[in-house]
Amino acid sequence: MNQPVAKTLHFKPHERNIFFHILTACNLACKHCYINPAQHGTATVSRETMEQWLTLFYDPKKESNVIFLGGEPTLHPDLIHGIRHARALGYKTITVDSNGFLHHDLLNRLKPDEAVLSFSLDGPTPAVNDALRGEGVFAICTANLHKAIGLGFEVSVIYTVSQLNIQHLAAMPELLERLGCKRFFIQVIGLRGKSASEQEAKLQVSPEEWLAVIPGVAKDAARRGIHVIYPKVFLEPGEEFQCAGNVAESYFIFPNGRVYLCPLCEDFPLHTFRIEDNCLIENSGITEKKLFSLDIPEGCVMNKLLQPGNLEYLPDGSPRHRISCCLLKQEIRPK
């Protein structure tokens, strides 16, 4: 039998991806939450602002996609209005990243063809998941996931890999197959928000651990009919480094009007843009964009500056592994 093969998803020159944090509030208190109120604020965007910013970032000449984020975006009473406004504008894909609680009766008020629902699940059992996300979360998340599939929604599951759950990742494909979920996103933990306040060694996964576990789990999921996407993280020898901030269009928008091009920078006032009076204004001074042009042997300059713990060096001083852009993904599709 032919084995599923991983393919790198190179950046598309005519694609625009909008990661829209419509609020920072959440009903959970996950150990690895990346929201930083000191940098992202505590506001909730109004219905009017939601419409204005969706319009501001929509480009009819490009394949525009929007992901609604929080906090927990389903806590926003106008989320469905925002989804429908995005559809009316012409966004190609609309996704809601949720912790699975799906507030405001979302499943009964939203039509399956209006948005993709992505559920965060960080363990194959209540014992693993709930230790990270809160007591009872596994049961509610999987029940709503199962219900969404039954109603005809396109769904996916996001699993954030850290030292706290990497050993349990191998059990996820069987769970997803049982639930009927056909899309699986494996994500590596970023040292942002709460994660940044923890000891690095307690959360970050070594290159050897990542490469030993993730590709094999992805292949197992693909053999079960599940489409898997995961960060490339480490470049192959001789592979060219590309920064999404230079060659792609991804905007990470927060309720306080900050707009980042790189999610690694979100704990710092390095944002390239800000929104004022419904206009996108480029910031002066030292910003993430100014740093993207730096060419270093390690690959991603932001990883070198902000997350050096996953870098290792050979005796001659060269990096053992070069780090790819955090937005560069690999996928394995079922045969």
C-alpha atoms as a PDB file:
ATOM      1  CA  MET A   1       0.000   0.000   0.000  1.00  0.00           C
ATOM      2  CA  ASN A   2       1.283   3.454  -0.881  1.00  0.00           C
ATOM      3  CA  GLN A   3       2.088   5.578   2.139  1.00  0.00           C
ATOM      4  CA  PRO A   4       0.570   9.100   2.429  1.00  0.00           C
ATOM      5  CA  VAL A   5       3.175  11.721   1.554  1.00  0.00           C
ATOM      6  CA  ALA A   6       3.577  15.138   3.195  1.00  0.00           C
ATOM      7  CA  LYS A   7       3.478  18.143   0.877  1.00  0.00           C
ATOM      8  CA  THR A   8       4.649  21.653   1.756  1.00  0.00           C
ATOM      9  CA  LEU A   9       1.936  24.290   1.299  1.00  0.00           C
ATOM     10  CA  HIS A  10       3.894  27.140  -0.239  1.00  0.00           C
ATOM     11  CA  PHE A  11       2.632  30.692   0.215  1.00  0.00           C
ATOM     12  CA  LYS A  12       0.155  31.810  -2.423  1.00  0.00           C
ATOM     13  CA  PRO A  13       0.921  35.225  -3.948  1.00  0.00           C
ATOM     14  CA  HIS A  14      -2.739  36.084  -4.564  1.00  0.00           C
ATOM     15  CA  GLU A  15      -4.166  34.990  -1.205  1.00  0.00           C
ATOM     16  CA  ARG A  16      -5.027  37.159   1.797  1.00  0.00           C
ATOM     17  CA  ASN A  17      -5.717  35.635   5.224  1.00  0.00           C
ATOM     18  CA  ILE A  18      -7.382  37.680   7.954  1.00  0.00           C
ATOM     19  CA  PHE A  19      -7.094  36.427  11.548  1.00  0.00           C
ATOM     20  CA  PHE A  20      -9.708  38.575  13.263  1.00  0.00           C
ATOM     21  CA  HIS A  21      -9.771  38.584  17.077  1.00  0.00           C
ATOM     22  CA  ILE A  22     -13.213  40.059  17.700  1.00  0.00           C
ATOM     23  CA  LEU A  23     -12.756  39.995  21.492  1.00  0.00           C
ATOM     24  CA  THR A  24     -10.229  38.790  24.046  1.00  0.00           C
ATOM     25  CA  ALA A  25     -12.669  37.427  26.650  1.00  0.00           C
ATOM     26  CA  CYS A  26     -13.064  33.674  27.128  1.00  0.00           C
ATOM     27  CA  ASN A  27     -15.077  31.327  29.325  1.00  0.00           C
ATOM     28  CA  LEU A  28     -12.015  29.102  29.838  1.00  0.00           C
ATOM     29  CA  ALA A  29      -8.557  29.629  31.334  1.00  0.00           C
ATOM     30  CA  CYS A  30      -6.341  27.319  29.267  1.00  0.00           C
ATOM     31  CA  LYS A  31      -2.764  26.869  30.462  1.00  0.00           C
ATOM     32  CA  HIS A  32      -1.347  27.810  27.065  1.00  0.00           C
ATOM     33  CA  CYS A  33      -3.649  30.716  26.146  1.00  0.00           C
ATOM     34  CA  TYR A  34      -1.755  33.191  23.959  1.00  0.00           C
ATOM     35  CA  ILE A  35      -3.966  36.214  24.632  1.00  0.00           C
ATOM     36  CA  ASN A  36      -2.035  38.948  26.448  1.00  0.00           C
ATOM     37  CA  PRO A  37      -4.444  41.650  27.736  1.00  0.00           C
ATOM     38  CA  ALA A  38      -1.567  44.077  28.306  1.00  0.00           C
ATOM     39  CA  GLN A  39      -0.853  43.990  24.563  1.00  0.00           C
ATOM     40  CA  HIS A  40      -4.195  42.988  23.058  1.00  0.00           C
ATOM     41  CA  GLY A  41      -6.567  44.877  25.339  1.00  0.00           C
ATOM     42  CA  THR A  42      -9.804  43.650  26.894  1.00  0.00           C
ATOM     43  CA  ALA A  43     -12.261  45.210  24.467  1.00  0.00           C
ATOM     44  CA  THR A  44     -14.933  43.624  22.295  1.00  0.00           C
ATOM     45  CA  VAL A  45     -15.295  45.047  18.805  1.00  0.00           C
ATOM     46  CA  SER A  46     -18.735  46.479  18.115  1.00  0.00           C
ATOM     47  CA  ARG A  47     -21.000  45.256  15.320  1.00  0.00           C
ATOM     48  CA  GLU A  48     -20.235  48.423  13.372  1.00  0.00           C
ATOM     49  CA  THR A  49     -16.474  48.022  13.831  1.00  0.00           C
ATOM     50  CA  MET A  50     -16.681  44.372  12.813  1.00  0.00           C
ATOM     51  CA  GLU A  51     -18.355  45.401   9.547  1.00  0.00           C
ATOM     52  CA  GLN A  52     -15.860  48.210   8.933  1.00  0.00           C
ATOM     53  CA  TRP A  53     -12.753  46.102   9.544  1.00  0.00           C
ATOM     54  CA  LEU A  54     -14.016  43.162   7.485  1.00  0.00           C
ATOM     55  CA  THR A  55     -14.574  45.625   4.651  1.00  0.00           C
ATOM     56  CA  LEU A  56     -11.198  47.294   5.209  1.00  0.00           C
ATOM     57  CA  PHE A  57      -9.272  44.042   4.824  1.00  0.00           C
ATOM     58  CA  TYR A  58     -11.304  42.456   2.037  1.00  0.00           C
ATOM     59  CA  ASP A  59      -9.589  42.540  -1.350  1.00  0.00           C
ATOM     60  CA  PRO A  60     -11.802  41.493  -4.281  1.00  0.00           C
ATOM     61  CA  LYS A  61      -8.704  40.961  -6.429  1.00  0.00           C
ATOM     62  CA  LYS A  62      -7.373  38.282  -4.084  1.00  0.00           C
ATOM     63  CA  GLU A  63      -8.575  35.065  -2.523  1.00  0.00           C
ATOM     64  CA  SER A  64      -9.577  36.560   0.823  1.00  0.00           C
ATOM     65  CA  ASN A  65     -10.180  34.289   3.821  1.00  0.00           C
ATOM     66  CA  VAL A  66     -11.193  35.210   7.352  1.00  0.00           C
ATOM     67  CA  ILE A  67     -10.801  33.321  10.626  1.00  0.00           C
ATOM     68  CA  PHE A  68     -12.822  34.621  13.573  1.00  0.00           C
ATOM     69  CA  LEU A  69     -10.858  34.286  16.815  1.00  0.00           C
ATOM     70  CA  GLY A  70     -10.957  35.385  20.436  1.00  0.00           C
ATOM     71  CA  GLY A  71     -10.710  34.781  23.298  1.00  0.00           C
ATOM     72  CA  GLU A  72     -13.725  32.695  22.479  1.00  0.00           C
ATOM     73  CA  PRO A  73     -15.394  34.237  19.413  1.00  0.00           C
ATOM     74  CA  THR A  74     -18.767  32.561  19.996  1.00  0.00           C
ATOM     75  CA  LEU A  75     -19.132  34.703  23.133  1.00  0.00           C
ATOM     76  CA  HIS A  76     -19.626  37.685  20.799  1.00  0.00           C
ATOM     77  CA  PRO A  77     -23.369  38.278  20.316  1.00  0.00           C
ATOM     78  CA  ASP A  78     -22.792  39.585  16.780  1.00  0.00           C
ATOM     79  CA  LEU A  79     -20.549  36.796  15.491  1.00  0.00           C
ATOM     80  CA  ILE A  80     -23.206  35.412  13.138  1.00  0.00           C
ATOM     81  CA  HIS A  81     -23.819  38.912  11.800  1.00  0.00           C
ATOM     82  CA  GLY A  82     -20.074  39.217  11.157  1.00  0.00           C
ATOM     83  CA  ILE A  83     -20.005  35.861   9.361  1.00  0.00           C
ATOM     84  CA  ARG A  84     -22.874  36.903   7.103  1.00  0.00           C
ATOM     85  CA  HIS A  85     -21.307  40.292   6.417  1.00  0.00           C
ATOM     86  CA  ALA A  86     -18.071  38.534   5.399  1.00  0.00           C
ATOM     87  CA  ARG A  87     -20.047  36.275   3.063  1.00  0.00           C
ATOM     88  CA  ALA A  88     -21.816  39.243   1.529  1.00  0.00           C
ATOM     89  CA  LEU A  89     -18.451  40.947   0.910  1.00  0.00           C
ATOM     90  CA  GLY A  90     -17.143  37.880  -0.901  1.00  0.00           C
ATOM     91  CA  TYR A  91     -14.658  36.216   1.462  1.00  0.00           C
ATOM     92  CA  LYS A  92     -13.876  32.818  -0.032  1.00  0.00           C
ATOM     93  CA  THR A  93     -13.670  30.909   3.245  1.00  0.00           C
ATOM     94  CA  ILE A  94     -14.954  31.818   6.695  1.00  0.00           C
ATOM     95  CA  THR A  95     -13.814  29.887   9.751  1.00  0.00           C
ATOM     96  CA  VAL A  96     -14.652  30.132  13.444  1.00  0.00           C
ATOM     97  CA  ASP A  97     -11.971  28.863  15.860  1.00  0.00           C
ATOM     98  CA  SER A  98     -13.796  27.811  19.028  1.00  0.00           C
ATOM     99  CA  ASN A  99     -13.154  26.040  22.306  1.00  0.00           C
ATOM    100  CA  GLY A 100     -16.259  24.002  21.538  1.00  0.00           C
ATOM    101  CA  PHE A 101     -18.809  25.639  23.808  1.00  0.00           C
ATOM    102  CA  LEU A 102     -20.505  27.404  20.867  1.00  0.00           C
ATOM    103  CA  HIS A 103     -22.327  30.095  22.828  1.00  0.00           C
ATOM    104  CA  HIS A 104     -25.461  31.967  21.733  1.00  0.00           C
ATOM    105  CA  ASP A 105     -27.000  28.768  20.301  1.00  0.00           C
ATOM    106  CA  LEU A 106     -24.607  28.979  17.364  1.00  0.00           C
ATOM    107  CA  LEU A 107     -25.356  25.562  15.867  1.00  0.00           C
ATOM    108  CA  ASN A 108     -29.079  26.221  15.635  1.00  0.00           C
ATOM    109  CA  ARG A 109     -28.760  29.787  14.327  1.00  0.00           C
ATOM    110  CA  LEU A 110     -25.969  29.295  11.777  1.00  0.00           C
ATOM    111  CA  LYS A 111     -26.344  27.378   8.525  1.00  0.00           C
ATOM    112  CA  PRO A 112     -23.755  24.693   7.706  1.00  0.00           C
ATOM    113  CA  ASP A 113     -22.740  26.393   4.452  1.00  0.00           C
ATOM    114  CA  GLU A 114     -22.037  29.730   6.163  1.00  0.00           C
ATOM    115  CA  ALA A 115     -18.825  28.869   8.041  1.00  0.00           C
ATOM    116  CA  VAL A 116     -16.330  26.157   8.897  1.00  0.00           C
ATOM    117  CA  LEU A 117     -16.152  25.338  12.604  1.00  0.00           C
ATOM    118  CA  SER A 118     -12.741  24.532  14.082  1.00  0.00           C
ATOM    119  CA  PHE A 119     -12.657  22.963  17.554  1.00  0.00           C
ATOM    120  CA  SER A 120      -9.671  23.185  19.923  1.00  0.00           C
ATOM    121  CA  LEU A 121      -9.023  19.828  21.561  1.00  0.00           C
ATOM    122  CA  ASP A 122      -5.691  19.155  23.254  1.00  0.00           C
ATOM    123  CA  GLY A 123      -6.023  15.552  24.328  1.00  0.00           C
ATOM    124  CA  PRO A 124      -7.716  12.307  23.276  1.00  0.00           C
ATOM    125  CA  THR A 125      -9.270  11.826  26.715  1.00  0.00           C
ATOM    126  CA  PRO A 126     -10.816  14.047  29.390  1.00  0.00           C
ATOM    127  CA  ALA A 127      -7.821  13.428  31.663  1.00  0.00           C
ATOM    128  CA  VAL A 128      -5.355  14.876  29.143  1.00  0.00           C
ATOM    129  CA  ASN A 129      -7.472  17.625  27.593  1.00  0.00           C
ATOM    130  CA  ASP A 130      -9.137  18.902  30.739  1.00  0.00           C
ATOM    131  CA  ALA A 131      -5.830  19.209  32.596  1.00  0.00           C
ATOM    132  CA  LEU A 132      -4.962  21.881  30.009  1.00  0.00           C
ATOM    133  CA  ARG A 133      -8.328  23.431  29.194  1.00  0.00           C
ATOM    134  CA  GLY A 134     -10.537  22.929  32.266  1.00  0.00           C
ATOM    135  CA  GLU A 135     -12.776  20.359  33.889  1.00  0.00           C
ATOM    136  CA  GLY A 136     -15.614  19.080  31.705  1.00  0.00           C
ATOM    137  CA  VAL A 137     -14.325  20.747  28.516  1.00  0.00           C
ATOM    138  CA  PHE A 138     -13.598  17.488  26.670  1.00  0.00           C
ATOM    139  CA  ALA A 139     -17.164  16.237  27.044  1.00  0.00           C
ATOM    140  CA  ILE A 140     -18.752  19.507  25.904  1.00  0.00           C
ATOM    141  CA  CYS A 141     -16.337  20.018  23.012  1.00  0.00           C
ATOM    142  CA  THR A 142     -16.672  16.510  21.593  1.00  0.00           C
ATOM    143  CA  ALA A 143     -20.467  16.532  22.036  1.00  0.00           C
ATOM    144  CA  ASN A 144     -20.794  19.785  20.089  1.00  0.00           C
ATOM    145  CA  LEU A 145     -18.303  18.564  17.493  1.00  0.00           C
ATOM    146  CA  HIS A 146     -20.387  15.433  16.969  1.00  0.00           C
ATOM    147  CA  LYS A 147     -23.569  17.502  16.779  1.00  0.00           C
ATOM    148  CA  ALA A 148     -22.029  19.902  14.247  1.00  0.00           C
ATOM    149  CA  ILE A 149     -21.000  16.996  12.019  1.00  0.00           C
ATOM    150  CA  GLY A 150     -24.511  15.569  12.264  1.00  0.00           C
ATOM    151  CA  LEU A 151     -25.979  18.910  11.169  1.00  0.00           C
ATOM    152  CA  GLY A 152     -23.740  18.982   8.104  1.00  0.00           C
ATOM    153  CA  PHE A 153     -21.093  21.512   9.177  1.00  0.00           C
ATOM    154  CA  GLU A 154     -17.561  21.238   7.830  1.00  0.00           C
ATOM    155  CA  VAL A 155     -15.441  20.863  10.948  1.00  0.00           C
ATOM    156  CA  SER A 156     -11.834  20.493  11.981  1.00  0.00           C
ATOM    157  CA  VAL A 157      -9.924  19.860  15.198  1.00  0.00           C
ATOM    158  CA  ILE A 158      -6.850  21.814  16.351  1.00  0.00           C
ATOM    159  CA  TYR A 159      -4.393  20.100  18.716  1.00  0.00           C
ATOM    160  CA  THR A 160      -1.677  22.309  20.221  1.00  0.00           C
ATOM    161  CA  VAL A 161       1.386  20.167  20.885  1.00  0.00           C
ATOM    162  CA  SER A 162       3.519  20.788  23.967  1.00  0.00           C
ATOM    163  CA  GLN A 163       5.505  18.753  26.473  1.00  0.00           C
ATOM    164  CA  LEU A 164       2.244  18.348  28.375  1.00  0.00           C
ATOM    165  CA  ASN A 165       0.465  16.351  25.666  1.00  0.00           C
ATOM    166  CA  ILE A 166       2.798  15.243  22.863  1.00  0.00           C
ATOM    167  CA  GLN A 167       2.892  11.677  24.169  1.00  0.00           C
ATOM    168  CA  HIS A 168      -0.892  11.453  23.732  1.00  0.00           C
ATOM    169  CA  LEU A 169      -1.065  12.780  20.167  1.00  0.00           C
ATOM    170  CA  ALA A 170      -0.883   9.288  18.645  1.00  0.00           C
ATOM    171  CA  ALA A 171      -4.334   8.476  20.046  1.00  0.00           C
ATOM    172  CA  MET A 172      -6.008  11.423  18.277  1.00  0.00           C
ATOM    173  CA  PRO A 173      -6.509   9.904  14.778  1.00  0.00           C
ATOM    174  CA  GLU A 174      -8.583   7.066  16.214  1.00  0.00           C
ATOM    175  CA  LEU A 175     -10.732   9.543  18.185  1.00  0.00           C
ATOM    176  CA  LEU A 176     -11.283  11.778  15.144  1.00  0.00           C
ATOM    177  CA  GLU A 177     -12.164   8.784  12.999  1.00  0.00           C
ATOM    178  CA  ARG A 178     -14.714   7.698  15.595  1.00  0.00           C
ATOM    179  CA  LEU A 179     -16.208  11.186  15.765  1.00  0.00           C
ATOM    180  CA  GLY A 180     -16.335  11.511  11.966  1.00  0.00           C
ATOM    181  CA  CYS A 181     -14.008  14.522  11.791  1.00  0.00           C
ATOM    182  CA  LYS A 182     -12.172  14.707   8.466  1.00  0.00           C
ATOM    183  CA  ARG A 183      -9.741  17.591   9.085  1.00  0.00           C
ATOM    184  CA  PHE A 184      -6.993  17.747  11.686  1.00  0.00           C
ATOM    185  CA  PHE A 185      -4.676  20.673  12.415  1.00  0.00           C
ATOM    186  CA  ILE A 186      -1.625  19.909  14.539  1.00  0.00           C
ATOM    187  CA  GLN A 187      -0.116  23.091  15.973  1.00  0.00           C
ATOM    188  CA  VAL A 188       3.107  23.675  17.862  1.00  0.00           C
ATOM    189  CA  ILE A 189       2.885  25.684  21.056  1.00  0.00           C
ATOM    190  CA  GLY A 190       4.051  29.284  20.815  1.00  0.00           C
ATOM    191  CA  LEU A 191       5.613  30.964  23.805  1.00  0.00           C
ATOM    192  CA  ARG A 192       3.080  33.772  23.971  1.00  0.00           C
ATOM    193  CA  GLY A 193       0.640  34.896  26.626  1.00  0.00           C
ATOM    194  CA  LYS A 194       0.489  32.402  29.491  1.00  0.00           C
ATOM    195  CA  SER A 195       2.960  30.070  27.809  1.00  0.00           C
ATOM    196  CA  ALA A 196       5.632  32.758  27.889  1.00  0.00           C
ATOM    197  CA  SER A 197       5.371  32.990  31.671  1.00  0.00           C
ATOM    198  CA  GLU A 198       6.017  29.278  32.101  1.00  0.00           C
ATOM    199  CA  GLN A 199       9.468  27.735  32.072  1.00  0.00           C
ATOM    200  CA  GLU A 200      10.411  27.130  28.443  1.00  0.00           C
ATOM    201  CA  ALA A 201      11.557  23.579  29.070  1.00  0.00           C
ATOM    202  CA  LYS A 202       8.164  22.642  30.502  1.00  0.00           C
ATOM    203  CA  LEU A 203       6.313  23.409  27.277  1.00  0.00           C
ATOM    204  CA  GLN A 204       8.497  23.506  24.176  1.00  0.00           C
ATOM    205  CA  VAL A 205       9.060  20.328  22.196  1.00  0.00           C
ATOM    206  CA  SER A 206      12.575  19.542  20.953  1.00  0.00           C
ATOM    207  CA  PRO A 207      13.286  19.123  17.232  1.00  0.00           C
ATOM    208  CA  GLU A 208      13.950  15.422  17.782  1.00  0.00           C
ATOM    209  CA  GLU A 209      10.622  14.918  19.577  1.00  0.00           C
ATOM    210  CA  TRP A 210       8.674  16.846  16.948  1.00  0.00           C
ATOM    211  CA  LEU A 211      10.214  14.990  14.014  1.00  0.00           C
ATOM    212  CA  ALA A 212       9.870  11.627  15.746  1.00  0.00           C
ATOM    213  CA  VAL A 213       6.162  12.034  16.527  1.00  0.00           C
ATOM    214  CA  ILE A 214       4.258  14.461  14.294  1.00  0.00           C
ATOM    215  CA  PRO A 215       4.898  13.081  10.759  1.00  0.00           C
ATOM    216  CA  GLY A 216       3.981   9.559  11.881  1.00  0.00           C
ATOM    217  CA  VAL A 217       0.742  10.671  13.524  1.00  0.00           C
ATOM    218  CA  ALA A 218      -0.146  12.707  10.439  1.00  0.00           C
ATOM    219  CA  LYS A 219       0.341   9.658   8.206  1.00  0.00           C
ATOM    220  CA  ASP A 220      -1.793   7.523  10.514  1.00  0.00           C
ATOM    221  CA  ALA A 221      -4.589  10.102  10.364  1.00  0.00           C
ATOM    222  CA  ALA A 222      -4.368  10.284   6.561  1.00  0.00           C
ATOM    223  CA  ARG A 223      -4.644   6.488   6.324  1.00  0.00           C
ATOM    224  CA  ARG A 224      -7.909   6.844   8.254  1.00  0.00           C
ATOM    225  CA  GLY A 225      -9.300   9.307   5.707  1.00  0.00           C
ATOM    226  CA  ILE A 226      -8.398  12.497   7.594  1.00  0.00           C
ATOM    227  CA  HIS A 227      -6.826  15.555   5.920  1.00  0.00           C
ATOM    228  CA  VAL A 228      -3.936  16.734   8.140  1.00  0.00           C
ATOM    229  CA  ILE A 229      -2.151  20.098   8.209  1.00  0.00           C
ATOM    230  CA  TYR A 230       0.759  20.864  10.523  1.00  0.00           C
ATOM    231  CA  PRO A 231       3.611  23.397  10.760  1.00  0.00           C
ATOM    232  CA  LYS A 232       6.742  22.543   8.841  1.00  0.00           C
ATOM    233  CA  VAL A 233       8.809  23.981  11.749  1.00  0.00           C
ATOM    234  CA  PHE A 234      12.187  22.685  10.514  1.00  0.00           C
ATOM    235  CA  LEU A 235      13.549  23.229   7.015  1.00  0.00           C
ATOM    236  CA  GLU A 236      15.157  20.471   4.988  1.00  0.00           C
ATOM    237  CA  PRO A 237      18.899  20.806   4.270  1.00  0.00           C
ATOM    238  CA  GLY A 238      19.309  23.298   1.453  1.00  0.00           C
ATOM    239  CA  GLU A 239      15.660  24.365   1.506  1.00  0.00           C
ATOM    240  CA  GLU A 240      15.128  28.080   0.987  1.00  0.00           C
ATOM    241  CA  PHE A 241      13.754  30.076   3.915  1.00  0.00           C
ATOM    242  CA  GLN A 242      10.765  32.301   3.144  1.00  0.00           C
ATOM    243  CA  CYS A 243       9.087  34.668   5.591  1.00  0.00           C
ATOM    244  CA  ALA A 244       5.340  35.065   5.203  1.00  0.00           C
ATOM    245  CA  GLY A 245       5.749  38.675   6.247  1.00  0.00           C
ATOM    246  CA  ASN A 246       7.682  39.265   3.023  1.00  0.00           C
ATOM    247  CA  VAL A 247       5.968  36.967   0.513  1.00  0.00           C
ATOM    248  CA  ALA A 248       2.391  36.478   1.768  1.00  0.00           C
ATOM    249  CA  GLU A 249      -0.502  38.476   3.166  1.00  0.00           C
ATOM    250  CA  SER A 250      -1.584  37.487   6.650  1.00  0.00           C
ATOM    251  CA  TYR A 251      -3.037  40.029   9.067  1.00  0.00           C
ATOM    252  CA  PHE A 252      -3.558  39.320  12.765  1.00  0.00           C
ATOM    253  CA  ILE A 253      -6.051  41.902  14.030  1.00  0.00           C
ATOM    254  CA  PHE A 254      -6.832  42.653  17.682  1.00  0.00           C
ATOM    255  CA  PRO A 255      -9.713  44.628  19.213  1.00  0.00           C
ATOM    256  CA  ASN A 256      -7.409  47.473  20.268  1.00  0.00           C
ATOM    257  CA  GLY A 257      -6.573  48.119  16.608  1.00  0.00           C
ATOM    258  CA  ARG A 258      -3.160  46.477  16.520  1.00  0.00           C
ATOM    259  CA  VAL A 259      -2.398  44.588  13.321  1.00  0.00           C
ATOM    260  CA  TYR A 260       0.507  42.142  13.235  1.00  0.00           C
ATOM    261  CA  LEU A 261       2.029  40.297  10.298  1.00  0.00           C
ATOM    262  CA  CYS A 262       3.687  37.614  12.451  1.00  0.00           C
ATOM    263  CA  PRO A 263       1.950  35.824  15.355  1.00  0.00           C
ATOM    264  CA  LEU A 264       5.271  35.306  17.146  1.00  0.00           C
ATOM    265  CA  CYS A 265       5.399  39.054  17.769  1.00  0.00           C
ATOM    266  CA  GLU A 266       2.016  39.412  19.448  1.00  0.00           C
ATOM    267  CA  ASP A 267       3.435  39.693  22.980  1.00  0.00           C
ATOM    268  CA  PHE A 268       5.287  42.855  22.018  1.00  0.00           C
ATOM    269  CA  PRO A 269       4.448  46.318  20.630  1.00  0.00           C
ATOM    270  CA  LEU A 270       6.122  45.406  17.327  1.00  0.00           C
ATOM    271  CA  HIS A 271       2.947  45.470  15.249  1.00  0.00           C
ATOM    272  CA  THR A 272       3.428  46.712  11.704  1.00  0.00           C
ATOM    273  CA  PHE A 273       0.066  48.473  11.448  1.00  0.00           C
ATOM    274  CA  ARG A 274      -2.649  50.044  13.547  1.00  0.00           C
ATOM    275  CA  ILE A 275      -6.227  50.869  12.647  1.00  0.00           C
ATOM    276  CA  GLU A 276      -7.276  54.469  13.246  1.00  0.00           C
ATOM    277  CA  ASP A 277     -10.518  56.012  11.986  1.00  0.00           C
ATOM    278  CA  ASN A 278     -11.060  52.882   9.906  1.00  0.00           C
ATOM    279  CA  CYS A 279      -7.740  53.377   8.083  1.00  0.00           C
ATOM    280  CA  LEU A 280      -4.768  51.013   8.107  1.00  0.00           C
ATOM    281  CA  ILE A 281      -1.704  53.016   9.149  1.00  0.00           C
ATOM    282  CA  GLU A 282       1.858  51.700   9.070  1.00  0.00           C
ATOM    283  CA  ASN A 283       3.821  52.332  12.257  1.00  0.00           C
ATOM    284  CA  SER A 284       7.213  54.024  12.304  1.00  0.00           C
ATOM    285  CA  GLY A 285      10.204  52.963  14.352  1.00  0.00           C
ATOM    286  CA  ILE A 286      11.228  49.348  14.999  1.00  0.00           C
ATOM    287  CA  THR A 287       8.462  46.993  13.939  1.00  0.00           C
ATOM    288  CA  GLU A 288       8.315  43.315  13.015  1.00  0.00           C
ATOM    289  CA  LYS A 289       8.329  44.253   9.322  1.00  0.00           C
ATOM    290  CA  LYS A 290      11.720  45.933   9.715  1.00  0.00           C
ATOM    291  CA  LEU A 291      13.116  42.672  11.127  1.00  0.00           C
ATOM    292  CA  PHE A 292      11.763  40.335   8.437  1.00  0.00           C
ATOM    293  CA  SER A 293      14.496  41.382   6.005  1.00  0.00           C
ATOM    294  CA  LEU A 294      17.301  40.069   8.241  1.00  0.00           C
ATOM    295  CA  ASP A 295      18.968  36.987   6.762  1.00  0.00           C
ATOM    296  CA  ILE A 296      20.340  34.639   9.420  1.00  0.00           C
ATOM    297  CA  PRO A 297      21.608  31.019   9.317  1.00  0.00           C
ATOM    298  CA  GLU A 298      18.893  29.924  11.777  1.00  0.00           C
ATOM    299  CA  GLY A 299      16.093  30.780   9.318  1.00  0.00           C
ATOM    300  CA  CYS A 300      13.297  32.654  11.100  1.00  0.00           C
ATOM    301  CA  VAL A 301      14.701  35.779  12.735  1.00  0.00           C
ATOM    302  CA  MET A 302      11.657  36.175  15.007  1.00  0.00           C
ATOM    303  CA  ASN A 303      12.138  32.656  16.342  1.00  0.00           C
ATOM    304  CA  LYS A 304      15.819  33.445  17.030  1.00  0.00           C
ATOM    305  CA  LEU A 305      14.867  36.629  18.911  1.00  0.00           C
ATOM    306  CA  LEU A 306      11.766  35.466  20.759  1.00  0.00           C
ATOM    307  CA  GLN A 307      11.867  31.658  21.043  1.00  0.00           C
ATOM    308  CA  PRO A 308      15.540  30.642  21.034  1.00  0.00           C
ATOM    309  CA  GLY A 309      14.895  27.590  23.196  1.00  0.00           C
ATOM    310  CA  ASN A 310      14.209  25.334  20.209  1.00  0.00           C
ATOM    311  CA  LEU A 311      17.522  26.193  18.528  1.00  0.00           C
ATOM    312  CA  GLU A 312      20.531  23.901  18.791  1.00  0.00           C
ATOM    313  CA  TYR A 313      24.013  24.383  17.356  1.00  0.00           C
ATOM    314  CA  LEU A 314      26.718  22.109  15.994  1.00  0.00           C
ATOM    315  CA  PRO A 315      30.312  22.368  17.294  1.00  0.00           C
ATOM    316  CA  ASP A 316      31.197  24.680  14.399  1.00  0.00           C
ATOM    317  CA  GLY A 317      28.479  27.134  15.482  1.00  0.00           C
ATOM    318  CA  SER A 318      26.052  26.380  12.666  1.00  0.00           C
ATOM    319  CA  PRO A 319      22.417  25.585  13.564  1.00  0.00           C
ATOM    320  CA  ARG A 320      21.554  21.892  13.826  1.00  0.00           C
ATOM    321  CA  HIS A 321      18.071  22.651  12.449  1.00  0.00           C
ATOM    322  CA  ARG A 322      16.935  25.723  10.533  1.00  0.00           C
ATOM    323  CA  ILE A 323      13.554  27.068  11.617  1.00  0.00           C
ATOM    324  CA  SER A 324      10.901  27.697   8.976  1.00  0.00           C
ATOM    325  CA  CYS A 325       8.388  30.527   9.042  1.00  0.00           C
ATOM    326  CA  CYS A 326       5.722  29.665  11.619  1.00  0.00           C
ATOM    327  CA  LEU A 327       3.047  30.112   8.938  1.00  0.00           C
ATOM    328  CA  LEU A 328       4.578  27.562   6.548  1.00  0.00           C
ATOM    329  CA  LYS A 329       2.535  24.369   6.666  1.00  0.00           C
ATOM    330  CA  GLN A 330       2.691  20.805   5.469  1.00  0.00           C
ATOM    331  CA  GLU A 331      -0.287  18.664   4.616  1.00  0.00           C
ATOM    332  CA  ILE A 332      -1.080  15.027   4.097  1.00  0.00           C
ATOM    333  CA  ARG A 333      -4.254  14.210   2.246  1.00  0.00           C
ATOM    334  CA  PRO A 334      -5.928  10.805   2.357  1.00  0.00           C
ATOM    335  CA  LYS A 335      -5.280   8.576  -0.632  1.00  0.00           C
END
